[in-house]
C-alpha atoms as a PDB file:
ATOM      1  CA  MET A   1     -53.631  95.289  20.553  1.00  0.00           C
ATOM      2  CA  ARG A   2     -50.790  96.696  22.603  1.00  0.00           C
ATOM      3  CA  ARG A   3     -51.450 100.386  21.878  1.00  0.00           C
ATOM      4  CA  LYS A   4     -55.028 100.833  23.053  1.00  0.00           C
ATOM      5  CA  ASP A   5     -54.803 104.563  22.289  1.00  0.00           C
ATOM      6  CA  LYS A   6     -54.576 103.708  18.570  1.00  0.00           C
ATOM      7  CA  ALA A   7     -57.440 101.204  18.521  1.00  0.00           C
ATOM      8  CA  MET A   8     -60.634 101.926  16.639  1.00  0.00           C
ATOM      9  CA  THR A   9     -63.514 101.155  18.949  1.00  0.00           C
ATOM     10  CA  LEU A  10     -66.489 101.683  16.647  1.00  0.00           C
ATOM     11  CA  ARG A  11     -67.431  99.397  13.772  1.00  0.00           C
ATOM     12  CA  SER A  12     -68.407 102.514  11.806  1.00  0.00           C
ATOM     13  CA  GLU A  13     -64.760 103.667  11.980  1.00  0.00           C
ATOM     14  CA  MET A  14     -63.595 100.344  10.575  1.00  0.00           C
ATOM     15  CA  ASP A  15     -66.291 100.425   7.891  1.00  0.00           C
ATOM     16  CA  ALA A  16     -65.043 103.869   6.815  1.00  0.00           C
ATOM     17  CA  VAL A  17     -61.519 102.490   6.311  1.00  0.00           C
ATOM     18  CA  ILE A  18     -62.876  99.591   4.259  1.00  0.00           C
ATOM     19  CA  GLU A  19     -64.896 102.017   2.126  1.00  0.00           C
ATOM     20  CA  LYS A  20     -61.770 104.151   1.490  1.00  0.00           C
ATOM     21  CA  ALA A  21     -59.506 101.196   0.701  1.00  0.00           C
ATOM     22  CA  ARG A  22     -58.879 100.304  -2.925  1.00  0.00           C
ATOM     23  CA  VAL A  23     -57.305  96.886  -2.264  1.00  0.00           C
ATOM     24  CA  CYS A  24     -57.952  94.070   0.179  1.00  0.00           C
ATOM     25  CA  ARG A  25     -55.059  91.789   1.014  1.00  0.00           C
ATOM     26  CA  LEU A  26     -56.466  88.320   1.506  1.00  0.00           C
ATOM     27  CA  ALA A  27     -54.282  85.785   3.323  1.00  0.00           C
ATOM     28  CA  MET A  28     -54.769  82.042   3.389  1.00  0.00           C
ATOM     29  CA  MET A  29     -52.714  78.996   4.259  1.00  0.00           C
ATOM     30  CA  ASP A  30     -50.773  76.844   1.805  1.00  0.00           C
ATOM     31  CA  ASP A  31     -50.208  73.876   4.109  1.00  0.00           C
ATOM     32  CA  ASP A  32     -47.815  75.388   6.669  1.00  0.00           C
ATOM     33  CA  ARG A  33     -46.980  78.511   4.633  1.00  0.00           C
ATOM     34  CA  PRO A  34     -48.932  81.761   4.458  1.00  0.00           C
ATOM     35  CA  TYR A  35     -50.087  82.937   1.027  1.00  0.00           C
ATOM     36  CA  ILE A  36     -51.411  86.456   0.479  1.00  0.00           C
ATOM     37  CA  VAL A  37     -52.933  88.148  -2.559  1.00  0.00           C
ATOM     38  CA  PRO A  38     -54.091  91.727  -3.188  1.00  0.00           C
ATOM     39  CA  MET A  39     -57.646  91.750  -4.502  1.00  0.00           C
ATOM     40  CA  SER A  40     -60.392  94.074  -5.611  1.00  0.00           C
ATOM     41  CA  PHE A  41     -63.430  93.675  -3.383  1.00  0.00           C
ATOM     42  CA  GLY A  42     -66.876  94.813  -2.374  1.00  0.00           C
ATOM     43  CA  TYR A  43     -68.381  95.288   1.079  1.00  0.00           C
ATOM     44  CA  ASP A  44     -72.010  95.404   2.143  1.00  0.00           C
ATOM     45  CA  GLY A  45     -71.452  96.219   5.815  1.00  0.00           C
ATOM     46  CA  GLU A  46     -71.563  92.567   6.829  1.00  0.00           C
ATOM     47  CA  ALA A  47     -69.468  90.534   4.394  1.00  0.00           C
ATOM     48  CA  LEU A  48     -66.673  91.027   1.867  1.00  0.00           C
ATOM     49  CA  TYR A  49     -67.118  89.962  -1.758  1.00  0.00           C
ATOM     50  CA  PHE A  50     -64.471  88.852  -4.253  1.00  0.00           C
ATOM     51  CA  HIS A  51     -64.255  87.439  -7.750  1.00  0.00           C
ATOM     52  CA  SER A  52     -61.623  85.339  -9.396  1.00  0.00           C
ATOM     53  CA  ALA A  53     -60.933  83.095 -12.329  1.00  0.00           C
ATOM     54  CA  ARG A  54     -62.524  79.679 -11.890  1.00  0.00           C
ATOM     55  CA  GLU A  55     -59.157  77.944 -11.443  1.00  0.00           C
ATOM     56  CA  GLY A  56     -55.863  78.743  -9.788  1.00  0.00           C
ATOM     57  CA  LYS A  57     -53.789  78.449  -6.669  1.00  0.00           C
ATOM     58  CA  LYS A  58     -55.889  80.875  -4.636  1.00  0.00           C
ATOM     59  CA  LEU A  59     -59.104  78.947  -5.253  1.00  0.00           C
ATOM     60  CA  ASP A  60     -57.390  75.628  -4.582  1.00  0.00           C
ATOM     61  CA  LEU A  61     -56.231  76.926  -1.200  1.00  0.00           C
ATOM     62  CA  LEU A  62     -59.614  78.437  -0.324  1.00  0.00           C
ATOM     63  CA  ARG A  63     -61.380  75.175  -1.124  1.00  0.00           C
ATOM     64  CA  LYS A  64     -58.924  73.297   1.075  1.00  0.00           C
ATOM     65  CA  ASN A  65     -59.149  75.738   4.009  1.00  0.00           C
ATOM     66  CA  GLY A  66     -61.721  78.538   3.873  1.00  0.00           C
ATOM     67  CA  ARG A  67     -60.514  80.407   6.969  1.00  0.00           C
ATOM     68  CA  VAL A  68     -58.819  83.641   5.836  1.00  0.00           C
ATOM     69  CA  CYS A  69     -57.303  86.807   7.216  1.00  0.00           C
ATOM     70  CA  PHE A  70     -57.911  90.133   5.474  1.00  0.00           C
ATOM     71  CA  GLU A  71     -56.252  93.550   5.674  1.00  0.00           C
ATOM     72  CA  PHE A  72     -57.152  97.030   4.463  1.00  0.00           C
ATOM     73  CA  ASP A  73     -55.309 100.307   4.828  1.00  0.00           C
ATOM     74  CA  ALA A  74     -56.047 103.927   4.002  1.00  0.00           C
ATOM     75  CA  ASP A  75     -54.560 107.386   4.467  1.00  0.00           C
ATOM     76  CA  VAL A  76     -51.020 106.006   4.545  1.00  0.00           C
ATOM     77  CA  SER A  77     -48.111 108.437   4.483  1.00  0.00           C
ATOM     78  CA  VAL A  78     -44.529 108.625   5.700  1.00  0.00           C
ATOM     79  CA  VAL A  79     -43.678 111.157   8.409  1.00  0.00           C
ATOM     80  CA  PRO A  80     -39.970 112.103   8.180  1.00  0.00           C
ATOM     81  CA  GLY A  81     -38.060 112.519  11.430  1.00  0.00           C
ATOM     82  CA  GLU A  82     -34.803 114.081  12.573  1.00  0.00           C
ATOM     83  CA  ALA A  83     -33.101 110.680  12.802  1.00  0.00           C
ATOM     84  CA  PRO A  84     -33.841 107.308  11.197  1.00  0.00           C
ATOM     85  CA  CYS A  85     -35.557 105.908  14.299  1.00  0.00           C
ATOM     86  CA  LYS A  86     -37.711 109.053  14.593  1.00  0.00           C
ATOM     87  CA  TRP A  87     -39.505 108.489  11.292  1.00  0.00           C
ATOM     88  CA  GLY A  88     -43.070 107.272  11.391  1.00  0.00           C
ATOM     89  CA  MET A  89     -46.234 106.602   9.444  1.00  0.00           C
ATOM     90  CA  THR A  90     -49.764 107.873   9.511  1.00  0.00           C
ATOM     91  CA  TYR A  91     -52.325 105.255   8.615  1.00  0.00           C
ATOM     92  CA  GLN A  92     -55.647 103.640   9.266  1.00  0.00           C
ATOM     93  CA  SER A  93     -55.869  99.872   9.025  1.00  0.00           C
ATOM     94  CA  VAL A  94     -58.396  97.115   9.507  1.00  0.00           C
ATOM     95  CA  ILE A  95     -57.540  93.460  10.012  1.00  0.00           C
ATOM     96  CA  GLY A  96     -59.943  90.581  10.431  1.00  0.00           C
ATOM     97  CA  ILE A  97     -60.631  86.899  10.154  1.00  0.00           C
ATOM     98  CA  GLY A  98     -63.441  85.266   8.239  1.00  0.00           C
ATOM     99  CA  ASP A  99     -64.743  82.184   6.500  1.00  0.00           C
ATOM    100  CA  VAL A 100     -65.116  81.840   2.734  1.00  0.00           C
ATOM    101  CA  ASP A 101     -68.485  80.952   1.255  1.00  0.00           C
ATOM    102  CA  PHE A 102     -68.513  80.244  -2.486  1.00  0.00           C
ATOM    103  CA  ILE A 103     -71.531  81.766  -4.216  1.00  0.00           C
ATOM    104  CA  LEU A 104     -72.885  79.339  -6.796  1.00  0.00           C
ATOM    105  CA  GLU A 105     -76.337  80.627  -7.723  1.00  0.00           C
ATOM    106  CA  PRO A 106     -76.135  82.963 -10.780  1.00  0.00           C
ATOM    107  CA  ALA A 107     -78.458  85.682  -9.447  1.00  0.00           C
ATOM    108  CA  SER A 108     -76.525  85.787  -6.164  1.00  0.00           C
ATOM    109  CA  GLN A 109     -73.251  85.923  -8.085  1.00  0.00           C
ATOM    110  CA  ARG A 110     -74.528  88.911 -10.055  1.00  0.00           C
ATOM    111  CA  ARG A 111     -75.571  90.680  -6.828  1.00  0.00           C
ATOM    112  CA  ALA A 112     -72.104  90.050  -5.380  1.00  0.00           C
ATOM    113  CA  LEU A 113     -70.430  91.387  -8.531  1.00  0.00           C
ATOM    114  CA  ASP A 114     -72.660  94.471  -8.297  1.00  0.00           C
ATOM    115  CA  ILE A 115     -71.411  95.032  -4.727  1.00  0.00           C
ATOM    116  CA  ILE A 116     -67.816  94.809  -5.967  1.00  0.00           C
ATOM    117  CA  MET A 117     -68.467  97.161  -8.897  1.00  0.00           C
ATOM    118  CA  THR A 118     -70.286  99.681  -6.692  1.00  0.00           C
ATOM    119  CA  HIS A 119     -67.167  99.960  -4.527  1.00  0.00           C
ATOM    120  CA  TYR A 120     -65.178 101.271  -7.508  1.00  0.00           C
ATOM    121  CA  SER A 121     -67.815 102.996  -9.632  1.00  0.00           C
ATOM    122  CA  ASP A 122     -70.489 105.637  -9.251  1.00  0.00           C
ATOM    123  CA  GLU A 123     -72.686 103.579 -11.564  1.00  0.00           C
ATOM    124  CA  LYS A 124     -75.441 101.570  -9.934  1.00  0.00           C
ATOM    125  CA  ARG A 125     -76.530  99.276 -12.751  1.00  0.00           C
ATOM    126  CA  PHE A 126     -74.268  96.652 -14.253  1.00  0.00           C
ATOM    127  CA  SER A 127     -74.756  93.799 -16.675  1.00  0.00           C
ATOM    128  CA  TYR A 128     -72.745  90.639 -17.166  1.00  0.00           C
ATOM    129  CA  THR A 129     -72.908  88.334 -20.151  1.00  0.00           C
ATOM    130  CA  ASP A 130     -73.492  84.632 -19.689  1.00  0.00           C
ATOM    131  CA  ALA A 131     -70.007  84.031 -21.124  1.00  0.00           C
ATOM    132  CA  GLU A 132     -68.476  86.327 -18.487  1.00  0.00           C
ATOM    133  CA  MET A 133     -70.397  84.569 -15.740  1.00  0.00           C
ATOM    134  CA  ARG A 134     -69.123  81.176 -16.898  1.00  0.00           C
ATOM    135  CA  ARG A 135     -65.518  82.390 -16.499  1.00  0.00           C
ATOM    136  CA  VAL A 136     -65.810  83.816 -12.985  1.00  0.00           C
ATOM    137  CA  SER A 137     -65.839  82.394  -9.498  1.00  0.00           C
ATOM    138  CA  VAL A 138     -67.495  84.558  -6.841  1.00  0.00           C
ATOM    139  CA  PHE A 139     -67.125  84.216  -3.095  1.00  0.00           C
ATOM    140  CA  ARG A 140     -67.869  86.094   0.079  1.00  0.00           C
ATOM    141  CA  VAL A 141     -65.971  86.261   3.344  1.00  0.00           C
ATOM    142  CA  CYS A 142     -68.250  86.133   6.364  1.00  0.00           C
ATOM    143  CA  ILE A 143     -66.478  88.257   8.977  1.00  0.00           C
ATOM    144  CA  LEU A 144     -65.839  86.508  12.297  1.00  0.00           C
ATOM    145  CA  ASP A 145     -63.510  89.025  13.949  1.00  0.00           C
ATOM    146  CA  ILE A 146     -62.404  92.534  12.999  1.00  0.00           C
ATOM    147  CA  SER A 147     -60.248  95.249  14.533  1.00  0.00           C
ATOM    148  CA  GLY A 148     -58.985  98.640  13.459  1.00  0.00           C
ATOM    149  CA  LYS A 149     -56.003 100.801  14.283  1.00  0.00           C
ATOM    150  CA  ARG A 150     -54.912 104.313  13.411  1.00  0.00           C
ATOM    151  CA  SER A 151     -51.822 106.396  13.868  1.00  0.00           C
ATOM    152  CA  GLY A 152     -51.588 110.100  13.210  1.00  0.00           C
ATOM    153  CA  CYS A 153     -55.008 110.232  11.519  1.00  0.00           C
ATOM    154  CA  VAL A 154     -58.065 112.131  12.645  1.00  0.00           C
END
């Protein structure tokens, strides 16, 4: 990172951004072209959790190459300036790289879905029908590298 003064140095700072974020942008490769999708997610402090339909382009790409890049942002706002090149942004962001691990065992899938639901809900107990479970694919991203940056945020 070029601007060391904007770097987050503590994992707890990065975790706080992930906890605030409502969307994770997950990037993968489609042969020689990048492909990125916004996704709902869960985080347990070590790995990211996602769910998807059982079929589709995203899953095809992840099965072909499970190395991904992820991005989160929070507290984003525009800061107007006196001239166009004096405008700026306040933000906190986290970017990382990880490997996808498909979760196949039903009890583990349910635990992963609970982690996702807990990110968005104050509820702590969730139930999923067998029919719902048959329609969903669940995977985790094991984080290999992570960094955070902030500008204009406390």
